[in-house]
Amino acid sequence: MSNQLTPAQLAQAYKNACMGELQALKPGNVHAFSDGHGMTIQDFIQSADVTAEPIARVGLSVGERVFYSVEATQSAVGQNTNLGMLLLCAPLLHAASSLQANQSLWGQLHKTLDQLSVDDAVWVAKAIVLANPGGLGASDQHDVHESPQISLLEMMRSAQDKDRISWQYANYFQDIVDFGVNLYADALLKWENAAWATTALYLGFLTRYADTHVLRKHGEQMANLLMQEAKEMESNYWATHNPKLMQKQLLVWDASLKARKINPGTSADLTVATLLASDLALAT
């Protein structure tokens, strides 16, 4: 039985996912315990507030959802706080908004991605130029500064080897649907605490593959070192019955990552999208 959600419910689900991710201690990233990388938690709260309506608005394409949300973010905080999460959340919200009876969210997501157009690519290219994220944009094949001639899905497929967010589009959000949603459910069962389960989810993404934001900014050696550090932290984390006891260790690692200017932004974006996907799957 499928249940179509209203734009207000979709906007709320998106906001809950953004806020849930901020409440969790995510070493190297901005969170309730610590700002970082020239950004404050307030920037992220404000970004979530101003993008909740456009990203869930009725009648918009996936590309328009991304563009209008980036535009709202730039007006509110004047920097790129959320391009990756917007790119991941827009197709999920689009799929949930167009669910038909007896249809699964994942089936509809598949359809949404397959139907992405050249027009979607044009809107997303404009959004990327506006957000101006570090290290993204210029490539020999499809430069976002030139108007795309291919669909958004093809554009993402061409970038999937160097960007894990593009990879989600090319592989039907597999990291989120097959890995993230299940890991988050397991962590919730273990600790019955959403914030601690979200930290576990984030650590899971950090250890699963090299964070492509870190790869782009710092290179392969640093990205692999981050994975090794995360693996040790993750195994300690799952071994504890009370994650509160891990807080000090996580904060020390958080400070060390920020001192080295390492921000695992892709893993944080995947965390937000997984929280949203989990919520939407339950609600629909």
C-alpha atoms as a PDB file:
ATOM      1  CA  MET A   1       0.000   0.000   0.000  1.00  0.00           C
ATOM      2  CA  SER A   2       1.527   3.267  -1.047  1.00  0.00           C
ATOM      3  CA  ASN A   3       0.799   6.538   0.625  1.00  0.00           C
ATOM      4  CA  GLN A   4       1.448   9.806  -1.202  1.00  0.00           C
ATOM      5  CA  LEU A   5       2.864  12.522   1.020  1.00  0.00           C
ATOM      6  CA  THR A   6       1.960  16.205   0.787  1.00  0.00           C
ATOM      7  CA  PRO A   7       4.671  18.804  -0.010  1.00  0.00           C
ATOM      8  CA  ALA A   8       4.496  19.939   3.639  1.00  0.00           C
ATOM      9  CA  GLN A   9       5.140  16.365   4.846  1.00  0.00           C
ATOM     10  CA  LEU A  10       8.002  15.961   2.368  1.00  0.00           C
ATOM     11  CA  ALA A  11       9.531  19.280   3.447  1.00  0.00           C
ATOM     12  CA  GLN A  12       9.295  18.180   7.086  1.00  0.00           C
ATOM     13  CA  ALA A  13      10.905  14.800   6.347  1.00  0.00           C
ATOM     14  CA  TYR A  14      13.765  16.604   4.584  1.00  0.00           C
ATOM     15  CA  LYS A  15      14.203  19.049   7.460  1.00  0.00           C
ATOM     16  CA  ASN A  16      14.155  16.215  10.005  1.00  0.00           C
ATOM     17  CA  ALA A  17      16.927  14.454   8.057  1.00  0.00           C
ATOM     18  CA  CYS A  18      19.068  17.630   7.937  1.00  0.00           C
ATOM     19  CA  MET A  19      18.565  18.293  11.649  1.00  0.00           C
ATOM     20  CA  GLY A  20      19.082  14.629  12.590  1.00  0.00           C
ATOM     21  CA  GLU A  21      22.444  14.640  10.831  1.00  0.00           C
ATOM     22  CA  LEU A  22      23.503  17.856  12.612  1.00  0.00           C
ATOM     23  CA  GLN A  23      22.626  16.446  16.040  1.00  0.00           C
ATOM     24  CA  ALA A  24      25.004  13.511  15.541  1.00  0.00           C
ATOM     25  CA  LEU A  25      28.688  13.712  16.379  1.00  0.00           C
ATOM     26  CA  LYS A  26      30.339  13.353  12.967  1.00  0.00           C
ATOM     27  CA  PRO A  27      34.130  13.673  13.257  1.00  0.00           C
ATOM     28  CA  GLY A  28      35.610  16.074  10.703  1.00  0.00           C
ATOM     29  CA  ASN A  29      32.241  17.584   9.833  1.00  0.00           C
ATOM     30  CA  VAL A  30      30.087  20.382  11.283  1.00  0.00           C
ATOM     31  CA  HIS A  31      27.749  19.096  14.016  1.00  0.00           C
ATOM     32  CA  ALA A  32      26.069  20.126  17.266  1.00  0.00           C
ATOM     33  CA  PHE A  33      29.275  19.535  19.248  1.00  0.00           C
ATOM     34  CA  SER A  34      31.621  21.520  16.997  1.00  0.00           C
ATOM     35  CA  ASP A  35      31.686  23.944  14.051  1.00  0.00           C
ATOM     36  CA  GLY A  36      34.461  23.735  11.475  1.00  0.00           C
ATOM     37  CA  HIS A  37      35.945  24.592   8.066  1.00  0.00           C
ATOM     38  CA  GLY A  38      34.763  28.206   8.265  1.00  0.00           C
ATOM     39  CA  MET A  39      31.139  27.102   8.704  1.00  0.00           C
ATOM     40  CA  THR A  40      28.880  27.067  11.755  1.00  0.00           C
ATOM     41  CA  ILE A  41      26.008  24.805  12.695  1.00  0.00           C
ATOM     42  CA  GLN A  42      23.799  27.886  12.321  1.00  0.00           C
ATOM     43  CA  ASP A  43      24.710  28.058   8.605  1.00  0.00           C
ATOM     44  CA  PHE A  44      23.453  24.501   8.185  1.00  0.00           C
ATOM     45  CA  ILE A  45      20.265  25.021  10.209  1.00  0.00           C
ATOM     46  CA  GLN A  46      19.481  28.115   8.139  1.00  0.00           C
ATOM     47  CA  SER A  47      20.248  26.219   4.915  1.00  0.00           C
ATOM     48  CA  ALA A  48      17.839  23.440   5.914  1.00  0.00           C
ATOM     49  CA  ASP A  49      15.148  25.998   6.783  1.00  0.00           C
ATOM     50  CA  VAL A  50      15.317  27.888   3.490  1.00  0.00           C
ATOM     51  CA  THR A  51      15.601  24.825   1.228  1.00  0.00           C
ATOM     52  CA  ALA A  52      12.824  22.687   2.732  1.00  0.00           C
ATOM     53  CA  GLU A  53      10.084  24.420   0.717  1.00  0.00           C
ATOM     54  CA  PRO A  54      11.749  24.589  -2.760  1.00  0.00           C
ATOM     55  CA  ILE A  55      13.127  21.040  -2.649  1.00  0.00           C
ATOM     56  CA  ALA A  56       9.660  19.643  -1.852  1.00  0.00           C
ATOM     57  CA  ARG A  57       7.632  22.041  -4.018  1.00  0.00           C
ATOM     58  CA  VAL A  58       4.839  20.623  -6.166  1.00  0.00           C
ATOM     59  CA  GLY A  59       5.378  20.407  -9.923  1.00  0.00           C
ATOM     60  CA  LEU A  60       9.153  20.924 -10.016  1.00  0.00           C
ATOM     61  CA  SER A  61      11.550  18.635 -11.880  1.00  0.00           C
ATOM     62  CA  VAL A  62      14.527  17.101 -10.057  1.00  0.00           C
ATOM     63  CA  GLY A  63      16.869  19.685 -11.621  1.00  0.00           C
ATOM     64  CA  GLU A  64      14.621  22.606 -10.646  1.00  0.00           C
ATOM     65  CA  ARG A  65      14.419  21.323  -7.056  1.00  0.00           C
ATOM     66  CA  VAL A  66      18.216  21.381  -6.874  1.00  0.00           C
ATOM     67  CA  PHE A  67      18.619  24.790  -8.521  1.00  0.00           C
ATOM     68  CA  TYR A  68      15.997  26.671  -6.487  1.00  0.00           C
ATOM     69  CA  SER A  69      17.348  25.142  -3.268  1.00  0.00           C
ATOM     70  CA  VAL A  70      20.914  26.183  -4.104  1.00  0.00           C
ATOM     71  CA  GLU A  71      19.628  29.674  -4.949  1.00  0.00           C
ATOM     72  CA  ALA A  72      17.831  29.889  -1.577  1.00  0.00           C
ATOM     73  CA  THR A  73      20.981  28.688   0.225  1.00  0.00           C
ATOM     74  CA  GLN A  74      23.188  31.265  -1.470  1.00  0.00           C
ATOM     75  CA  SER A  75      20.757  34.064  -0.550  1.00  0.00           C
ATOM     76  CA  ALA A  76      20.588  32.917   3.081  1.00  0.00           C
ATOM     77  CA  VAL A  77      24.171  31.936   3.959  1.00  0.00           C
ATOM     78  CA  GLY A  78      26.250  33.007   0.955  1.00  0.00           C
ATOM     79  CA  GLN A  79      28.240  29.786   0.720  1.00  0.00           C
ATOM     80  CA  ASN A  80      27.934  26.178  -0.375  1.00  0.00           C
ATOM     81  CA  THR A  81      26.721  24.266   2.679  1.00  0.00           C
ATOM     82  CA  ASN A  82      24.538  21.674   0.980  1.00  0.00           C
ATOM     83  CA  LEU A  83      24.987  21.016  -2.760  1.00  0.00           C
ATOM     84  CA  GLY A  84      25.770  17.308  -2.262  1.00  0.00           C
ATOM     85  CA  MET A  85      22.832  16.630   0.026  1.00  0.00           C
ATOM     86  CA  LEU A  86      20.466  18.571  -2.282  1.00  0.00           C
ATOM     87  CA  LEU A  87      21.604  16.453  -5.239  1.00  0.00           C
ATOM     88  CA  LEU A  88      20.872  13.304  -3.226  1.00  0.00           C
ATOM     89  CA  CYS A  89      17.628  14.415  -1.578  1.00  0.00           C
ATOM     90  CA  ALA A  90      15.945  15.883  -4.685  1.00  0.00           C
ATOM     91  CA  PRO A  91      15.384  12.532  -6.503  1.00  0.00           C
ATOM     92  CA  LEU A  92      14.209  10.881  -3.258  1.00  0.00           C
ATOM     93  CA  LEU A  93      11.657  13.626  -2.618  1.00  0.00           C
ATOM     94  CA  HIS A  94      10.624  13.659  -6.282  1.00  0.00           C
ATOM     95  CA  ALA A  95      10.028   9.893  -6.179  1.00  0.00           C
ATOM     96  CA  ALA A  96       8.027  10.140  -2.937  1.00  0.00           C
ATOM     97  CA  SER A  97       5.905  12.957  -4.381  1.00  0.00           C
ATOM     98  CA  SER A  98       4.948  10.925  -7.445  1.00  0.00           C
ATOM     99  CA  LEU A  99       4.263   7.567  -5.794  1.00  0.00           C
ATOM    100  CA  GLN A 100       1.275   5.666  -7.140  1.00  0.00           C
ATOM    101  CA  ALA A 101      -0.765   3.129  -5.169  1.00  0.00           C
ATOM    102  CA  ASN A 102       0.968  -0.247  -4.636  1.00  0.00           C
ATOM    103  CA  GLN A 103       4.306   1.137  -5.767  1.00  0.00           C
ATOM    104  CA  SER A 104       7.495   1.000  -3.723  1.00  0.00           C
ATOM    105  CA  LEU A 105       9.583   4.089  -3.058  1.00  0.00           C
ATOM    106  CA  TRP A 106      12.659   2.309  -4.474  1.00  0.00           C
ATOM    107  CA  GLY A 107      10.798   1.357  -7.659  1.00  0.00           C
ATOM    108  CA  GLN A 108       9.685   4.942  -8.121  1.00  0.00           C
ATOM    109  CA  LEU A 109      13.228   6.222  -7.429  1.00  0.00           C
ATOM    110  CA  HIS A 110      14.481   3.930 -10.207  1.00  0.00           C
ATOM    111  CA  LYS A 111      11.885   5.415 -12.555  1.00  0.00           C
ATOM    112  CA  THR A 112      12.700   8.995 -11.476  1.00  0.00           C
ATOM    113  CA  LEU A 113      16.398   8.501 -12.263  1.00  0.00           C
ATOM    114  CA  ASP A 114      15.683   6.832 -15.620  1.00  0.00           C
ATOM    115  CA  GLN A 115      13.468   9.758 -16.636  1.00  0.00           C
ATOM    116  CA  LEU A 116      16.042  12.504 -15.892  1.00  0.00           C
ATOM    117  CA  SER A 117      16.324  14.816 -18.892  1.00  0.00           C
ATOM    118  CA  VAL A 118      18.727  17.230 -20.598  1.00  0.00           C
ATOM    119  CA  ASP A 119      16.647  19.954 -18.958  1.00  0.00           C
ATOM    120  CA  ASP A 120      17.443  18.471 -15.516  1.00  0.00           C
ATOM    121  CA  ALA A 121      21.131  18.533 -16.473  1.00  0.00           C
ATOM    122  CA  VAL A 122      20.886  22.222 -17.459  1.00  0.00           C
ATOM    123  CA  TRP A 123      19.290  23.154 -14.093  1.00  0.00           C
ATOM    124  CA  VAL A 124      21.855  21.123 -12.116  1.00  0.00           C
ATOM    125  CA  ALA A 125      24.781  22.592 -14.094  1.00  0.00           C
ATOM    126  CA  LYS A 126      23.471  26.085 -13.239  1.00  0.00           C
ATOM    127  CA  ALA A 127      23.142  25.046  -9.584  1.00  0.00           C
ATOM    128  CA  ILE A 128      26.747  23.755  -9.494  1.00  0.00           C
ATOM    129  CA  VAL A 129      28.069  26.995 -11.013  1.00  0.00           C
ATOM    130  CA  LEU A 130      26.060  29.002  -8.460  1.00  0.00           C
ATOM    131  CA  ALA A 131      27.204  26.886  -5.481  1.00  0.00           C
ATOM    132  CA  ASN A 132      30.800  26.862  -6.745  1.00  0.00           C
ATOM    133  CA  PRO A 133      31.917  23.775  -4.765  1.00  0.00           C
ATOM    134  CA  GLY A 134      35.632  23.104  -4.280  1.00  0.00           C
ATOM    135  CA  GLY A 135      37.174  20.951  -6.987  1.00  0.00           C
ATOM    136  CA  LEU A 136      33.971  20.198  -8.910  1.00  0.00           C
ATOM    137  CA  GLY A 137      32.795  21.447 -12.251  1.00  0.00           C
ATOM    138  CA  ALA A 138      35.537  21.535 -14.831  1.00  0.00           C
ATOM    139  CA  SER A 139      36.168  18.310 -16.711  1.00  0.00           C
ATOM    140  CA  ASP A 140      37.243  17.748 -20.295  1.00  0.00           C
ATOM    141  CA  GLN A 141      34.116  15.792 -21.063  1.00  0.00           C
ATOM    142  CA  HIS A 142      31.206  17.697 -19.562  1.00  0.00           C
ATOM    143  CA  ASP A 143      32.058  21.109 -18.155  1.00  0.00           C
ATOM    144  CA  VAL A 144      29.149  22.544 -16.131  1.00  0.00           C
ATOM    145  CA  HIS A 145      30.054  26.029 -17.357  1.00  0.00           C
ATOM    146  CA  GLU A 146      28.822  24.992 -20.792  1.00  0.00           C
ATOM    147  CA  SER A 147      25.171  24.104 -21.285  1.00  0.00           C
ATOM    148  CA  PRO A 148      24.812  20.285 -21.129  1.00  0.00           C
ATOM    149  CA  GLN A 149      23.757  18.366 -24.243  1.00  0.00           C
ATOM    150  CA  ILE A 150      23.093  15.123 -22.371  1.00  0.00           C
ATOM    151  CA  SER A 151      20.612  13.999 -19.701  1.00  0.00           C
ATOM    152  CA  LEU A 152      21.388  14.476 -16.012  1.00  0.00           C
ATOM    153  CA  LEU A 153      21.686  10.692 -15.633  1.00  0.00           C
ATOM    154  CA  GLU A 154      24.319  10.559 -18.412  1.00  0.00           C
ATOM    155  CA  MET A 155      26.094  13.558 -16.886  1.00  0.00           C
ATOM    156  CA  MET A 156      26.253  11.747 -13.528  1.00  0.00           C
ATOM    157  CA  ARG A 157      27.386   8.499 -15.159  1.00  0.00           C
ATOM    158  CA  SER A 158      30.319  10.330 -16.736  1.00  0.00           C
ATOM    159  CA  ALA A 159      31.433  11.598 -13.289  1.00  0.00           C
ATOM    160  CA  GLN A 160      30.707   8.488 -11.201  1.00  0.00           C
ATOM    161  CA  ASP A 161      34.322   7.291 -10.955  1.00  0.00           C
ATOM    162  CA  LYS A 162      35.481  10.459  -9.203  1.00  0.00           C
ATOM    163  CA  ASP A 163      32.369  11.476  -7.304  1.00  0.00           C
ATOM    164  CA  ARG A 164      30.337   9.218  -5.036  1.00  0.00           C
ATOM    165  CA  ILE A 165      27.229  11.427  -5.305  1.00  0.00           C
ATOM    166  CA  SER A 166      27.229  11.027  -9.092  1.00  0.00           C
ATOM    167  CA  TRP A 167      27.789   7.312  -8.472  1.00  0.00           C
ATOM    168  CA  GLN A 168      24.457   7.133  -6.603  1.00  0.00           C
ATOM    169  CA  TYR A 169      22.615   8.406  -9.675  1.00  0.00           C
ATOM    170  CA  ALA A 170      24.434   5.968 -11.955  1.00  0.00           C
ATOM    171  CA  ASN A 171      23.762   3.030  -9.598  1.00  0.00           C
ATOM    172  CA  TYR A 172      20.232   3.786  -8.385  1.00  0.00           C
ATOM    173  CA  PHE A 173      21.320   5.030  -4.939  1.00  0.00           C
ATOM    174  CA  GLN A 174      22.718   1.605  -4.030  1.00  0.00           C
ATOM    175  CA  ASP A 175      24.913   2.874  -1.159  1.00  0.00           C
ATOM    176  CA  ILE A 176      21.823   4.389   0.434  1.00  0.00           C
ATOM    177  CA  VAL A 177      19.149   1.805  -0.374  1.00  0.00           C
ATOM    178  CA  ASP A 178      21.191  -1.384   0.137  1.00  0.00           C
ATOM    179  CA  PHE A 179      23.764  -0.283   2.693  1.00  0.00           C
ATOM    180  CA  GLY A 180      22.833   2.915   4.553  1.00  0.00           C
ATOM    181  CA  VAL A 181      19.167   2.245   5.310  1.00  0.00           C
ATOM    182  CA  ASN A 182      19.982  -1.224   6.709  1.00  0.00           C
ATOM    183  CA  LEU A 183      22.973  -0.055   8.748  1.00  0.00           C
ATOM    184  CA  TYR A 184      20.912   2.774  10.259  1.00  0.00           C
ATOM    185  CA  ALA A 185      18.097   0.339  11.148  1.00  0.00           C
ATOM    186  CA  ASP A 186      20.625  -2.010  12.838  1.00  0.00           C
ATOM    187  CA  ALA A 187      22.161   0.872  14.802  1.00  0.00           C
ATOM    188  CA  LEU A 188      18.720   2.082  15.938  1.00  0.00           C
ATOM    189  CA  LEU A 189      17.908  -1.426  17.151  1.00  0.00           C
ATOM    190  CA  LYS A 190      21.200  -1.630  19.053  1.00  0.00           C
ATOM    191  CA  TRP A 191      21.136   1.758  20.811  1.00  0.00           C
ATOM    192  CA  GLU A 192      17.539   3.055  20.441  1.00  0.00           C
ATOM    193  CA  ASN A 193      18.967   6.539  19.986  1.00  0.00           C
ATOM    194  CA  ALA A 194      18.756   8.342  16.645  1.00  0.00           C
ATOM    195  CA  ALA A 195      21.813  10.567  17.177  1.00  0.00           C
ATOM    196  CA  TRP A 196      24.094   7.654  18.112  1.00  0.00           C
ATOM    197  CA  ALA A 197      22.673   5.562  15.257  1.00  0.00           C
ATOM    198  CA  THR A 198      23.442   8.455  12.884  1.00  0.00           C
ATOM    199  CA  THR A 199      27.066   8.580  14.083  1.00  0.00           C
ATOM    200  CA  ALA A 200      27.296   4.832  13.383  1.00  0.00           C
ATOM    201  CA  LEU A 201      25.865   5.411   9.902  1.00  0.00           C
ATOM    202  CA  TYR A 202      28.378   8.178   9.171  1.00  0.00           C
ATOM    203  CA  LEU A 203      31.280   5.984  10.374  1.00  0.00           C
ATOM    204  CA  GLY A 204      29.901   3.230   8.134  1.00  0.00           C
ATOM    205  CA  PHE A 205      30.130   5.477   5.081  1.00  0.00           C
ATOM    206  CA  LEU A 206      33.633   6.632   6.075  1.00  0.00           C
ATOM    207  CA  THR A 207      34.888   3.045   6.177  1.00  0.00           C
ATOM    208  CA  ARG A 208      33.024   1.774   3.092  1.00  0.00           C
ATOM    209  CA  TYR A 209      35.107   3.688   0.510  1.00  0.00           C
ATOM    210  CA  ALA A 210      37.351   6.732   0.208  1.00  0.00           C
ATOM    211  CA  ASP A 211      35.350   9.941   0.739  1.00  0.00           C
ATOM    212  CA  THR A 212      35.369  11.629  -2.669  1.00  0.00           C
ATOM    213  CA  HIS A 213      35.309  15.157  -1.216  1.00  0.00           C
ATOM    214  CA  VAL A 214      38.518  14.345   0.686  1.00  0.00           C
ATOM    215  CA  LEU A 215      39.958  12.615  -2.399  1.00  0.00           C
ATOM    216  CA  ARG A 216      39.400  15.726  -4.537  1.00  0.00           C
ATOM    217  CA  LYS A 217      40.880  18.122  -1.990  1.00  0.00           C
ATOM    218  CA  HIS A 218      43.701  16.082  -0.458  1.00  0.00           C
ATOM    219  CA  GLY A 219      44.444  13.139  -2.760  1.00  0.00           C
ATOM    220  CA  GLU A 220      44.376   9.375  -2.458  1.00  0.00           C
ATOM    221  CA  GLN A 221      46.892   8.945   0.341  1.00  0.00           C
ATOM    222  CA  MET A 222      44.966  11.180   2.739  1.00  0.00           C
ATOM    223  CA  ALA A 223      41.617   9.661   1.730  1.00  0.00           C
ATOM    224  CA  ASN A 224      42.956   6.155   2.441  1.00  0.00           C
ATOM    225  CA  LEU A 225      44.452   7.252   5.767  1.00  0.00           C
ATOM    226  CA  LEU A 226      41.036   8.648   6.739  1.00  0.00           C
ATOM    227  CA  MET A 227      39.454   5.260   5.923  1.00  0.00           C
ATOM    228  CA  GLN A 228      41.978   3.458   8.133  1.00  0.00           C
ATOM    229  CA  GLU A 229      41.386   5.850  11.044  1.00  0.00           C
ATOM    230  CA  ALA A 230      37.611   5.460  10.569  1.00  0.00           C
ATOM    231  CA  LYS A 231      37.818   1.638  10.603  1.00  0.00           C
ATOM    232  CA  GLU A 232      39.479   1.622  14.003  1.00  0.00           C
ATOM    233  CA  MET A 233      36.963   4.137  15.346  1.00  0.00           C
ATOM    234  CA  GLU A 234      34.029   2.201  13.913  1.00  0.00           C
ATOM    235  CA  SER A 235      35.049  -1.113  15.443  1.00  0.00           C
ATOM    236  CA  ASN A 236      35.418   0.530  18.881  1.00  0.00           C
ATOM    237  CA  TYR A 237      32.066   2.237  18.404  1.00  0.00           C
ATOM    238  CA  TRP A 238      30.085  -0.919  17.617  1.00  0.00           C
ATOM    239  CA  ALA A 239      31.788  -2.711  20.514  1.00  0.00           C
ATOM    240  CA  THR A 240      30.371  -0.288  23.086  1.00  0.00           C
ATOM    241  CA  HIS A 241      26.968  -0.675  24.737  1.00  0.00           C
ATOM    242  CA  ASN A 242      26.900   3.028  25.562  1.00  0.00           C
ATOM    243  CA  PRO A 243      28.214   5.299  22.780  1.00  0.00           C
ATOM    244  CA  LYS A 244      28.367   8.162  25.301  1.00  0.00           C
ATOM    245  CA  LEU A 245      31.584   6.519  26.500  1.00  0.00           C
ATOM    246  CA  MET A 246      33.021   7.040  23.000  1.00  0.00           C
ATOM    247  CA  GLN A 247      32.215  10.750  22.922  1.00  0.00           C
ATOM    248  CA  LYS A 248      35.610  11.950  24.150  1.00  0.00           C
ATOM    249  CA  GLN A 249      37.503   9.730  21.684  1.00  0.00           C
ATOM    250  CA  LEU A 250      35.288  10.898  18.807  1.00  0.00           C
ATOM    251  CA  LEU A 251      35.784  14.571  19.731  1.00  0.00           C
ATOM    252  CA  VAL A 252      39.580  14.152  19.888  1.00  0.00           C
ATOM    253  CA  TRP A 253      39.497  12.624  16.397  1.00  0.00           C
ATOM    254  CA  ASP A 254      37.114  15.385  15.248  1.00  0.00           C
ATOM    255  CA  ALA A 255      39.599  18.063  16.401  1.00  0.00           C
ATOM    256  CA  SER A 256      42.475  16.231  14.714  1.00  0.00           C
ATOM    257  CA  LEU A 257      40.621  16.005  11.370  1.00  0.00           C
ATOM    258  CA  LYS A 258      39.645  19.676  11.498  1.00  0.00           C
ATOM    259  CA  ALA A 259      43.230  20.683  12.344  1.00  0.00           C
ATOM    260  CA  ARG A 260      44.293  18.814   9.182  1.00  0.00           C
ATOM    261  CA  LYS A 261      41.456  20.524   7.237  1.00  0.00           C
ATOM    262  CA  ILE A 262      39.881  17.164   6.432  1.00  0.00           C
ATOM    263  CA  ASN A 263      36.131  17.413   5.880  1.00  0.00           C
ATOM    264  CA  PRO A 264      34.458  14.134   4.833  1.00  0.00           C
ATOM    265  CA  GLY A 265      31.606  16.031   3.171  1.00  0.00           C
ATOM    266  CA  THR A 266      30.463  13.231   0.868  1.00  0.00           C
ATOM    267  CA  SER A 267      29.959  10.848   3.795  1.00  0.00           C
ATOM    268  CA  ALA A 268      27.919  13.544   5.579  1.00  0.00           C
ATOM    269  CA  ASP A 269      25.757  14.076   2.463  1.00  0.00           C
ATOM    270  CA  LEU A 270      25.126  10.327   2.182  1.00  0.00           C
ATOM    271  CA  THR A 271      24.177  10.311   5.869  1.00  0.00           C
ATOM    272  CA  VAL A 272      21.498  12.995   5.362  1.00  0.00           C
ATOM    273  CA  ALA A 273      20.117  11.188   2.307  1.00  0.00           C
ATOM    274  CA  THR A 274      19.956   7.880   4.196  1.00  0.00           C
ATOM    275  CA  LEU A 275      18.039   9.466   7.081  1.00  0.00           C
ATOM    276  CA  LEU A 276      15.599  10.933   4.545  1.00  0.00           C
ATOM    277  CA  ALA A 277      15.283   7.657   2.626  1.00  0.00           C
ATOM    278  CA  SER A 278      14.641   5.723   5.863  1.00  0.00           C
ATOM    279  CA  ASP A 279      11.932   8.173   6.895  1.00  0.00           C
ATOM    280  CA  LEU A 280      10.261   8.257   3.454  1.00  0.00           C
ATOM    281  CA  ALA A 281      10.314   4.456   3.157  1.00  0.00           C
ATOM    282  CA  LEU A 282       8.480   4.192   6.503  1.00  0.00           C
ATOM    283  CA  ALA A 283       6.016   6.986   5.683  1.00  0.00           C
ATOM    284  CA  THR A 284       5.075   5.656   2.265  1.00  0.00           C
END
